[in-house]
Amino acid sequence: LGPKGIKIIKDIKPDIIFSIYYRKILPIEVLKIPSIGSFNIHPSLLPFYKGSVPTAWAILNNENSFGITIHKISKNLDSGDILVQKKFKIKNNETGYELHNRAMKLGLDMLKKNFNNIVNNKLKLSKQKKLGSYYGKLPKFNKIDWSSSSIDIYNKFRVYAYPFRGSYSIIK
């Protein structure tokens, strides 16, 4: 978001900003503009799985659940005060793509359900009390290591399944 984008937002003077799967960090200058605040929908149970593609990391780490968090955006990545969270089960055969899409729908549903309370400042903010965890972009390690456990191999297939680049192996 460059100077032109920041100027446009300042000129609009929004009351509220929602960041929904925006993969860049909004400048503090932008976060201070809205009178109600700036909020993010993050597909994990913060403070765990901060960073990008948390749903894929949850599968790779063999988690059986993930969550959706709506939180106030702060200067530190995915560290703002939490408005609302909900936990969901990860299906055993769900691919990374399917889980991502489901998380986006669940996040939208959560926003719709809580929108009036957010806009009218009726939700109590709670601090993120634990250190949590951070995961960055997925590395391009989609090559199957056959010495890995069967569940790790299966999860790698799930994360990199269509429409992504897929997993591969070289034999001999």
N, C-alpha and C. Protein backbone atom coordinates (compact mmCIF):
# COMPACT_ATOMS: atom_id res chain seq x y z
N LEU A 1 0.87 -1.17 0.00
CA LEU A 1 0.00 0.00 0.00
C LEU A 1 0.90 1.22 0.00
N GLY A 2 0.96 1.88 -1.11
CA GLY A 2 1.84 3.03 -1.26
C GLY A 2 1.18 4.33 -0.83
N PRO A 3 1.92 5.44 -1.01
CA PRO A 3 1.40 6.76 -0.61
C PRO A 3 0.06 7.11 -1.25
N LYS A 4 -0.14 6.72 -2.52
CA LYS A 4 -1.41 7.02 -3.19
C LYS A 4 -2.56 6.28 -2.51
N GLY A 5 -2.34 5.00 -2.18
CA GLY A 5 -3.36 4.20 -1.51
C GLY A 5 -3.69 4.76 -0.14
N ILE A 6 -2.66 5.16 0.59
CA ILE A 6 -2.88 5.74 1.92
C ILE A 6 -3.69 7.04 1.81
N LYS A 7 -3.36 7.85 0.81
CA LYS A 7 -4.10 9.12 0.61
C LYS A 7 -5.56 8.85 0.28
N ILE A 8 -5.81 7.85 -0.55
CA ILE A 8 -7.20 7.50 -0.90
C ILE A 8 -7.97 7.11 0.36
N ILE A 9 -7.35 6.28 1.20
CA ILE A 9 -8.02 5.85 2.44
C ILE A 9 -8.26 7.05 3.36
N LYS A 10 -7.27 7.94 3.47
CA LYS A 10 -7.45 9.14 4.30
C LYS A 10 -8.59 10.01 3.77
N ASP A 11 -8.68 10.13 2.45
CA ASP A 11 -9.74 10.95 1.84
C ASP A 11 -11.12 10.34 2.06
N ILE A 12 -11.20 9.02 2.04
CA ILE A 12 -12.48 8.33 2.26
C ILE A 12 -12.92 8.48 3.72
N LYS A 13 -11.96 8.50 4.65
CA LYS A 13 -12.23 8.59 6.09
C LYS A 13 -13.17 7.47 6.56
N PRO A 14 -12.77 6.22 6.37
CA PRO A 14 -13.66 5.13 6.78
C PRO A 14 -13.81 5.09 8.29
N ASP A 15 -14.98 4.64 8.74
CA ASP A 15 -15.22 4.46 10.17
C ASP A 15 -14.55 3.18 10.66
N ILE A 16 -14.42 2.21 9.74
CA ILE A 16 -13.89 0.91 10.11
C ILE A 16 -13.15 0.31 8.91
N ILE A 17 -12.12 -0.46 9.19
CA ILE A 17 -11.39 -1.19 8.15
C ILE A 17 -11.38 -2.66 8.54
N PHE A 18 -11.70 -3.52 7.58
CA PHE A 18 -11.58 -4.96 7.76
C PHE A 18 -10.52 -5.47 6.80
N SER A 19 -9.60 -6.22 7.31
CA SER A 19 -8.58 -6.89 6.51
C SER A 19 -8.94 -8.37 6.50
N ILE A 20 -9.21 -8.87 5.31
CA ILE A 20 -9.63 -10.26 5.19
C ILE A 20 -8.68 -10.97 4.23
N TYR A 21 -7.78 -11.73 4.80
CA TYR A 21 -6.77 -12.47 4.04
C TYR A 21 -5.94 -11.55 3.14
N TYR A 22 -5.61 -10.39 3.68
CA TYR A 22 -4.71 -9.46 3.00
C TYR A 22 -3.31 -9.82 3.47
N ARG A 23 -2.44 -10.18 2.56
CA ARG A 23 -1.15 -10.75 2.93
C ARG A 23 -0.04 -9.73 3.17
N LYS A 24 -0.41 -8.48 3.30
CA LYS A 24 0.59 -7.45 3.59
C LYS A 24 0.24 -6.79 4.91
N ILE A 25 1.21 -6.12 5.49
CA ILE A 25 0.99 -5.44 6.76
C ILE A 25 0.51 -4.01 6.47
N LEU A 26 -0.63 -3.65 7.04
CA LEU A 26 -1.13 -2.30 6.86
C LEU A 26 -0.29 -1.33 7.69
N PRO A 27 0.10 -0.20 7.10
CA PRO A 27 0.90 0.78 7.85
C PRO A 27 0.12 1.35 9.04
N ILE A 28 0.82 1.65 10.11
CA ILE A 28 0.22 2.24 11.31
C ILE A 28 -0.59 3.49 10.94
N GLU A 29 -0.09 4.23 10.00
CA GLU A 29 -0.76 5.45 9.54
C GLU A 29 -2.19 5.13 9.06
N VAL A 30 -2.36 3.99 8.41
CA VAL A 30 -3.69 3.58 7.93
C VAL A 30 -4.54 3.07 9.09
N LEU A 31 -3.93 2.34 10.01
CA LEU A 31 -4.68 1.76 11.13
C LEU A 31 -5.28 2.84 12.03
N LYS A 32 -4.69 4.01 12.04
CA LYS A 32 -5.16 5.11 12.90
C LYS A 32 -6.31 5.90 12.27
N ILE A 33 -6.61 5.66 11.00
CA ILE A 33 -7.61 6.46 10.29
C ILE A 33 -9.04 6.19 10.77
N PRO A 34 -9.49 4.94 10.82
CA PRO A 34 -10.91 4.71 11.15
C PRO A 34 -11.25 5.02 12.60
N SER A 35 -12.42 5.62 12.81
CA SER A 35 -12.84 6.00 14.16
C SER A 35 -13.18 4.79 15.02
N ILE A 36 -13.72 3.73 14.41
CA ILE A 36 -14.08 2.53 15.17
C ILE A 36 -12.87 1.61 15.34
N GLY A 37 -12.09 1.45 14.29
CA GLY A 37 -10.89 0.62 14.37
C GLY A 37 -10.65 -0.18 13.11
N SER A 38 -9.55 -0.89 13.12
CA SER A 38 -9.15 -1.76 12.01
C SER A 38 -9.10 -3.19 12.55
N PHE A 39 -9.73 -4.11 11.83
CA PHE A 39 -9.89 -5.48 12.30
C PHE A 39 -9.48 -6.48 11.23
N ASN A 40 -9.03 -7.64 11.66
CA ASN A 40 -8.57 -8.70 10.77
C ASN A 40 -9.33 -9.98 11.08
N ILE A 41 -9.62 -10.74 10.03
CA ILE A 41 -10.15 -12.09 10.20
C ILE A 41 -8.99 -13.02 9.89
N HIS A 42 -8.58 -13.79 10.88
CA HIS A 42 -7.41 -14.66 10.73
C HIS A 42 -7.83 -16.12 10.92
N PRO A 43 -7.45 -17.01 9.98
CA PRO A 43 -7.87 -18.41 10.07
C PRO A 43 -7.01 -19.28 10.99
N SER A 44 -6.97 -18.89 12.26
CA SER A 44 -6.34 -19.73 13.29
C SER A 44 -6.85 -19.25 14.64
N LEU A 45 -6.53 -20.02 15.67
CA LEU A 45 -6.86 -19.60 17.03
C LEU A 45 -5.66 -18.85 17.58
N LEU A 46 -5.64 -17.54 17.32
CA LEU A 46 -4.52 -16.74 17.81
C LEU A 46 -4.44 -16.87 19.32
N PRO A 47 -3.25 -16.88 19.88
CA PRO A 47 -1.97 -16.47 19.31
C PRO A 47 -1.22 -17.56 18.55
N PHE A 48 -1.85 -18.68 18.28
CA PHE A 48 -1.17 -19.75 17.56
C PHE A 48 -1.38 -19.62 16.07
N TYR A 49 -0.38 -20.01 15.32
CA TYR A 49 -0.41 -19.96 13.85
C TYR A 49 -0.56 -18.53 13.32
N LYS A 50 0.18 -17.61 13.93
CA LYS A 50 0.27 -16.27 13.34
C LYS A 50 1.00 -16.41 12.01
N GLY A 51 0.77 -15.48 11.10
CA GLY A 51 1.47 -15.50 9.82
C GLY A 51 0.59 -16.03 8.70
N SER A 52 1.24 -16.34 7.59
CA SER A 52 0.50 -16.72 6.39
C SER A 52 0.18 -18.21 6.34
N VAL A 53 -0.82 -18.54 5.58
CA VAL A 53 -1.35 -19.89 5.34
C VAL A 53 -1.43 -20.77 6.60
N PRO A 54 -2.06 -20.28 7.66
CA PRO A 54 -2.13 -21.08 8.88
C PRO A 54 -2.90 -22.39 8.71
N THR A 55 -3.86 -22.43 7.80
CA THR A 55 -4.61 -23.66 7.60
C THR A 55 -3.71 -24.76 7.04
N ALA A 56 -2.84 -24.40 6.09
CA ALA A 56 -1.91 -25.38 5.53
C ALA A 56 -0.92 -25.86 6.60
N TRP A 57 -0.41 -24.94 7.40
CA TRP A 57 0.52 -25.33 8.46
C TRP A 57 -0.16 -26.23 9.48
N ALA A 58 -1.43 -25.98 9.76
CA ALA A 58 -2.15 -26.83 10.71
C ALA A 58 -2.24 -28.26 10.19
N ILE A 59 -2.49 -28.42 8.88
CA ILE A 59 -2.52 -29.76 8.29
C ILE A 59 -1.14 -30.39 8.36
N LEU A 60 -0.11 -29.65 7.95
CA LEU A 60 1.25 -30.19 7.98
C LEU A 60 1.68 -30.60 9.38
N ASN A 61 1.17 -29.89 10.38
CA ASN A 61 1.51 -30.21 11.77
C ASN A 61 0.55 -31.23 12.39
N ASN A 62 -0.29 -31.82 11.54
CA ASN A 62 -1.20 -32.88 11.95
C ASN A 62 -2.18 -32.45 13.05
N GLU A 63 -2.61 -31.20 12.99
CA GLU A 63 -3.62 -30.71 13.93
C GLU A 63 -4.96 -31.32 13.56
N ASN A 64 -5.83 -31.51 14.54
CA ASN A 64 -7.17 -32.00 14.23
C ASN A 64 -8.21 -30.89 14.30
N SER A 65 -7.75 -29.66 14.63
CA SER A 65 -8.66 -28.52 14.66
C SER A 65 -7.91 -27.25 14.26
N PHE A 66 -8.68 -26.24 13.92
CA PHE A 66 -8.16 -24.92 13.62
C PHE A 66 -9.22 -23.95 14.12
N GLY A 67 -9.05 -22.69 13.90
CA GLY A 67 -10.06 -21.75 14.35
C GLY A 67 -10.09 -20.50 13.50
N ILE A 68 -11.02 -19.67 13.83
CA ILE A 68 -11.14 -18.35 13.21
C ILE A 68 -11.07 -17.34 14.34
N THR A 69 -10.30 -16.28 14.12
CA THR A 69 -10.17 -15.20 15.09
C THR A 69 -10.45 -13.88 14.39
N ILE A 70 -11.28 -13.07 14.99
CA ILE A 70 -11.42 -11.68 14.57
C ILE A 70 -10.72 -10.86 15.64
N HIS A 71 -9.72 -10.10 15.21
CA HIS A 71 -8.94 -9.33 16.17
C HIS A 71 -8.66 -7.93 15.66
N LYS A 72 -8.37 -7.06 16.61
CA LYS A 72 -7.99 -5.69 16.27
C LYS A 72 -6.58 -5.74 15.69
N ILE A 73 -6.35 -5.00 14.63
CA ILE A 73 -5.03 -4.99 14.01
C ILE A 73 -4.12 -4.07 14.82
N SER A 74 -2.93 -4.56 15.12
CA SER A 74 -1.93 -3.77 15.83
C SER A 74 -0.68 -3.69 14.96
N LYS A 75 0.33 -3.00 15.45
CA LYS A 75 1.55 -2.85 14.64
C LYS A 75 2.30 -4.17 14.47
N ASN A 76 2.13 -5.10 15.40
CA ASN A 76 2.80 -6.40 15.29
C ASN A 76 1.85 -7.41 14.64
N LEU A 77 2.40 -8.22 13.78
CA LEU A 77 1.63 -9.16 12.96
C LEU A 77 0.76 -10.09 13.80
N ASP A 78 -0.55 -10.07 13.53
CA ASP A 78 -1.52 -10.98 14.16
C ASP A 78 -1.43 -10.99 15.68
N SER A 79 -1.15 -9.85 16.27
CA SER A 79 -0.94 -9.76 17.72
C SER A 79 -1.96 -8.88 18.44
N GLY A 80 -2.93 -8.35 17.70
CA GLY A 80 -3.89 -7.44 18.30
C GLY A 80 -4.88 -8.13 19.23
N ASP A 81 -5.57 -7.32 20.00
CA ASP A 81 -6.57 -7.82 20.94
C ASP A 81 -7.67 -8.58 20.19
N ILE A 82 -8.15 -9.65 20.82
CA ILE A 82 -9.13 -10.55 20.20
C ILE A 82 -10.55 -10.11 20.54
N LEU A 83 -11.40 -10.08 19.51
CA LEU A 83 -12.83 -9.80 19.71
C LEU A 83 -13.60 -11.09 19.85
N VAL A 84 -13.37 -12.04 18.95
CA VAL A 84 -14.12 -13.28 18.97
C VAL A 84 -13.30 -14.39 18.31
N GLN A 85 -13.47 -15.61 18.80
CA GLN A 85 -12.79 -16.78 18.25
C GLN A 85 -13.74 -17.96 18.27
N LYS A 86 -13.51 -18.87 17.33
CA LYS A 86 -14.28 -20.11 17.33
C LYS A 86 -13.40 -21.22 16.77
N LYS A 87 -13.51 -22.39 17.38
CA LYS A 87 -12.72 -23.55 17.01
C LYS A 87 -13.54 -24.47 16.11
N PHE A 88 -12.85 -25.09 15.11
CA PHE A 88 -13.49 -26.00 14.17
C PHE A 88 -12.62 -27.23 13.97
N LYS A 89 -13.26 -28.33 13.63
CA LYS A 89 -12.54 -29.58 13.36
C LYS A 89 -11.99 -29.56 11.94
N ILE A 90 -10.80 -30.12 11.76
CA ILE A 90 -10.24 -30.33 10.43
C ILE A 90 -10.65 -31.75 10.02
N LYS A 91 -11.26 -31.86 8.86
CA LYS A 91 -11.69 -33.18 8.37
C LYS A 91 -10.46 -33.99 7.95
N ASN A 92 -10.50 -35.30 8.19
CA ASN A 92 -9.35 -36.17 7.92
C ASN A 92 -8.90 -36.17 6.47
N ASN A 93 -9.81 -35.97 5.54
CA ASN A 93 -9.44 -36.02 4.13
C ASN A 93 -9.46 -34.65 3.46
N GLU A 94 -9.57 -33.60 4.24
CA GLU A 94 -9.65 -32.24 3.71
C GLU A 94 -8.30 -31.79 3.17
N THR A 95 -8.31 -31.25 1.96
CA THR A 95 -7.05 -30.74 1.38
C THR A 95 -6.79 -29.33 1.90
N GLY A 96 -5.60 -28.85 1.67
CA GLY A 96 -5.26 -27.49 2.06
C GLY A 96 -6.17 -26.47 1.40
N TYR A 97 -6.46 -26.69 0.13
CA TYR A 97 -7.34 -25.80 -0.63
C TYR A 97 -8.75 -25.82 -0.04
N GLU A 98 -9.26 -27.00 0.25
CA GLU A 98 -10.61 -27.12 0.81
C GLU A 98 -10.70 -26.47 2.20
N LEU A 99 -9.69 -26.70 3.02
CA LEU A 99 -9.70 -26.11 4.36
C LEU A 99 -9.60 -24.59 4.29
N HIS A 100 -8.75 -24.09 3.40
CA HIS A 100 -8.62 -22.64 3.21
C HIS A 100 -9.98 -22.04 2.83
N ASN A 101 -10.65 -22.65 1.84
CA ASN A 101 -11.94 -22.13 1.38
C ASN A 101 -12.99 -22.20 2.49
N ARG A 102 -13.00 -23.29 3.24
CA ARG A 102 -13.95 -23.42 4.35
C ARG A 102 -13.65 -22.36 5.42
N ALA A 103 -12.37 -22.14 5.70
CA ALA A 103 -11.99 -21.13 6.69
C ALA A 103 -12.46 -19.73 6.26
N MET A 104 -12.33 -19.43 4.96
CA MET A 104 -12.77 -18.12 4.48
C MET A 104 -14.29 -17.97 4.64
N LYS A 105 -15.04 -19.03 4.35
CA LYS A 105 -16.50 -18.98 4.51
C LYS A 105 -16.86 -18.85 5.99
N LEU A 106 -16.21 -19.63 6.84
CA LEU A 106 -16.49 -19.55 8.27
C LEU A 106 -16.13 -18.17 8.83
N GLY A 107 -15.04 -17.60 8.33
CA GLY A 107 -14.65 -16.24 8.75
C GLY A 107 -15.70 -15.22 8.35
N LEU A 108 -16.22 -15.34 7.12
CA LEU A 108 -17.27 -14.44 6.66
C LEU A 108 -18.52 -14.61 7.52
N ASP A 109 -18.90 -15.85 7.78
CA ASP A 109 -20.07 -16.11 8.63
C ASP A 109 -19.88 -15.50 10.02
N MET A 110 -18.67 -15.62 10.57
CA MET A 110 -18.39 -15.07 11.89
C MET A 110 -18.48 -13.54 11.85
N LEU A 111 -17.98 -12.94 10.78
CA LEU A 111 -18.06 -11.49 10.64
C LEU A 111 -19.51 -11.04 10.55
N LYS A 112 -20.31 -11.73 9.73
CA LYS A 112 -21.73 -11.38 9.60
C LYS A 112 -22.43 -11.45 10.96
N LYS A 113 -22.17 -12.53 11.68
CA LYS A 113 -22.82 -12.74 12.98
C LYS A 113 -22.43 -11.66 13.99
N ASN A 114 -21.20 -11.18 13.92
CA ASN A 114 -20.69 -10.24 14.93
C ASN A 114 -20.59 -8.80 14.44
N PHE A 115 -20.97 -8.55 13.21
CA PHE A 115 -20.76 -7.23 12.60
C PHE A 115 -21.35 -6.09 13.43
N ASN A 116 -22.62 -6.19 13.78
CA ASN A 116 -23.26 -5.10 14.56
C ASN A 116 -22.58 -4.88 15.89
N ASN A 117 -22.17 -5.96 16.55
CA ASN A 117 -21.47 -5.82 17.83
C ASN A 117 -20.11 -5.18 17.66
N ILE A 118 -19.43 -5.47 16.54
CA ILE A 118 -18.13 -4.85 16.27
C ILE A 118 -18.32 -3.37 16.01
N VAL A 119 -19.23 -3.04 15.10
CA VAL A 119 -19.47 -1.64 14.72
C VAL A 119 -19.93 -0.81 15.92
N ASN A 120 -20.72 -1.41 16.79
CA ASN A 120 -21.25 -0.68 17.95
C ASN A 120 -20.40 -0.86 19.20
N ASN A 121 -19.20 -1.41 19.03
CA ASN A 121 -18.24 -1.55 20.12
C ASN A 121 -18.82 -2.31 21.33
N LYS A 122 -19.54 -3.40 21.04
CA LYS A 122 -20.18 -4.17 22.10
C LYS A 122 -19.44 -5.46 22.45
N LEU A 123 -18.31 -5.69 21.81
CA LEU A 123 -17.52 -6.88 22.12
C LEU A 123 -16.35 -6.48 23.00
N LYS A 124 -16.12 -7.26 24.02
CA LYS A 124 -15.00 -6.99 24.92
C LYS A 124 -13.72 -7.51 24.26
N LEU A 125 -12.72 -6.67 24.18
CA LEU A 125 -11.43 -7.08 23.65
C LEU A 125 -10.66 -7.83 24.72
N SER A 126 -9.99 -8.89 24.30
CA SER A 126 -9.13 -9.60 25.26
C SER A 126 -7.72 -9.70 24.68
N LYS A 127 -6.76 -9.46 25.53
CA LYS A 127 -5.35 -9.51 25.13
C LYS A 127 -4.96 -10.94 24.79
N GLN A 128 -4.02 -11.07 23.86
CA GLN A 128 -3.43 -12.38 23.57
C GLN A 128 -2.44 -12.65 24.69
N LYS A 129 -2.73 -13.65 25.52
CA LYS A 129 -1.97 -13.86 26.74
C LYS A 129 -0.73 -14.72 26.57
N LYS A 130 -0.71 -15.56 25.55
CA LYS A 130 0.41 -16.47 25.36
C LYS A 130 1.30 -16.00 24.24
N LEU A 131 2.50 -16.52 24.20
CA LEU A 131 3.43 -16.20 23.13
C LEU A 131 2.93 -16.75 21.80
N GLY A 132 2.38 -17.95 21.80
CA GLY A 132 1.83 -18.54 20.59
C GLY A 132 2.89 -19.06 19.64
N SER A 133 2.56 -19.04 18.35
CA SER A 133 3.49 -19.53 17.33
C SER A 133 3.32 -18.73 16.05
N TYR A 134 4.36 -18.74 15.25
CA TYR A 134 4.36 -18.02 13.97
C TYR A 134 4.84 -18.96 12.87
N TYR A 135 4.17 -18.91 11.74
CA TYR A 135 4.57 -19.68 10.56
C TYR A 135 4.53 -18.76 9.36
N GLY A 136 5.59 -18.77 8.58
CA GLY A 136 5.66 -17.94 7.38
C GLY A 136 5.09 -18.65 6.18
N LYS A 137 5.53 -18.21 5.01
CA LYS A 137 5.08 -18.82 3.76
C LYS A 137 5.48 -20.29 3.73
N LEU A 138 4.70 -21.05 2.99
CA LEU A 138 5.04 -22.47 2.84
C LEU A 138 6.29 -22.60 1.99
N PRO A 139 7.24 -23.38 2.46
CA PRO A 139 8.42 -23.61 1.63
C PRO A 139 8.07 -24.53 0.47
N LYS A 140 8.89 -24.54 -0.52
CA LYS A 140 8.64 -25.38 -1.69
C LYS A 140 9.21 -26.76 -1.45
N PHE A 141 8.81 -27.37 -0.36
CA PHE A 141 9.33 -28.69 -0.01
C PHE A 141 8.25 -29.75 -0.25
N ASN A 142 7.66 -29.68 -1.43
CA ASN A 142 6.59 -30.61 -1.76
C ASN A 142 7.10 -31.96 -2.27
N LYS A 143 8.41 -32.16 -2.20
CA LYS A 143 8.99 -33.45 -2.56
C LYS A 143 8.76 -34.42 -1.39
N ILE A 144 8.28 -35.60 -1.71
CA ILE A 144 7.98 -36.61 -0.69
C ILE A 144 9.27 -37.27 -0.22
N ASP A 145 9.46 -37.26 1.08
CA ASP A 145 10.57 -37.97 1.71
C ASP A 145 9.99 -39.26 2.27
N TRP A 146 10.29 -40.39 1.64
CA TRP A 146 9.68 -41.66 2.01
C TRP A 146 10.16 -42.18 3.37
N SER A 147 11.15 -41.51 3.96
CA SER A 147 11.54 -41.90 5.31
C SER A 147 10.68 -41.20 6.37
N SER A 148 9.82 -40.28 5.93
CA SER A 148 8.90 -39.60 6.85
C SER A 148 7.81 -40.56 7.28
N SER A 149 7.10 -40.19 8.33
CA SER A 149 5.98 -41.02 8.77
C SER A 149 4.86 -40.99 7.73
N SER A 150 4.03 -42.01 7.74
CA SER A 150 2.94 -42.08 6.76
C SER A 150 1.99 -40.89 6.90
N ILE A 151 1.75 -40.44 8.13
CA ILE A 151 0.84 -39.30 8.33
C ILE A 151 1.46 -38.02 7.78
N ASP A 152 2.78 -37.85 7.94
CA ASP A 152 3.44 -36.67 7.37
C ASP A 152 3.37 -36.67 5.85
N ILE A 153 3.55 -37.83 5.24
CA ILE A 153 3.46 -37.94 3.78
C ILE A 153 2.03 -37.63 3.33
N TYR A 154 1.06 -38.22 4.01
CA TYR A 154 -0.35 -38.00 3.68
C TYR A 154 -0.69 -36.51 3.80
N ASN A 155 -0.26 -35.87 4.88
CA ASN A 155 -0.56 -34.46 5.08
C ASN A 155 0.10 -33.58 4.03
N LYS A 156 1.29 -33.95 3.60
CA LYS A 156 1.96 -33.19 2.54
C LYS A 156 1.15 -33.30 1.24
N PHE A 157 0.66 -34.49 0.92
CA PHE A 157 -0.20 -34.65 -0.25
C PHE A 157 -1.43 -33.77 -0.13
N ARG A 158 -2.03 -33.74 1.06
CA ARG A 158 -3.24 -32.93 1.28
C ARG A 158 -2.97 -31.45 1.07
N VAL A 159 -1.89 -30.95 1.62
CA VAL A 159 -1.59 -29.51 1.53
C VAL A 159 -1.30 -29.09 0.10
N TYR A 160 -0.56 -29.90 -0.63
CA TYR A 160 -0.14 -29.51 -1.99
C TYR A 160 -1.06 -30.05 -3.08
N ALA A 161 -2.21 -30.64 -2.71
CA ALA A 161 -3.14 -31.21 -3.68
C ALA A 161 -3.72 -30.13 -4.60
N TYR A 162 -4.30 -30.58 -5.70
CA TYR A 162 -4.93 -29.70 -6.67
C TYR A 162 -5.80 -28.67 -5.96
N PRO A 163 -5.75 -27.43 -6.36
CA PRO A 163 -5.19 -26.84 -7.56
C PRO A 163 -3.75 -26.36 -7.40
N PHE A 164 -3.11 -26.73 -6.31
CA PHE A 164 -1.72 -26.33 -6.10
C PHE A 164 -0.79 -27.23 -6.89
N ARG A 165 0.50 -27.06 -6.72
CA ARG A 165 1.49 -27.72 -7.58
C ARG A 165 1.62 -29.23 -7.36
N GLY A 166 1.03 -29.76 -6.32
CA GLY A 166 1.10 -31.19 -6.06
C GLY A 166 2.40 -31.60 -5.40
N SER A 167 2.45 -32.81 -4.94
CA SER A 167 3.66 -33.38 -4.34
C SER A 167 4.30 -34.29 -5.37
N TYR A 168 5.57 -34.58 -5.18
CA TYR A 168 6.24 -35.45 -6.14
C TYR A 168 7.30 -36.27 -5.44
N SER A 169 7.78 -37.27 -6.15
CA SER A 169 8.83 -38.14 -5.63
C SER A 169 9.71 -38.57 -6.79
N ILE A 170 10.95 -38.82 -6.49
CA ILE A 170 11.87 -39.35 -7.50
C ILE A 170 12.30 -40.73 -7.01
N ILE A 171 12.11 -41.70 -7.85
CA ILE A 171 12.51 -43.06 -7.51
C ILE A 171 13.62 -43.46 -8.49
N LYS A 172 14.73 -43.86 -7.90
CA LYS A 172 15.94 -44.22 -8.65
C LYS A 172 16.42 -43.05 -9.46
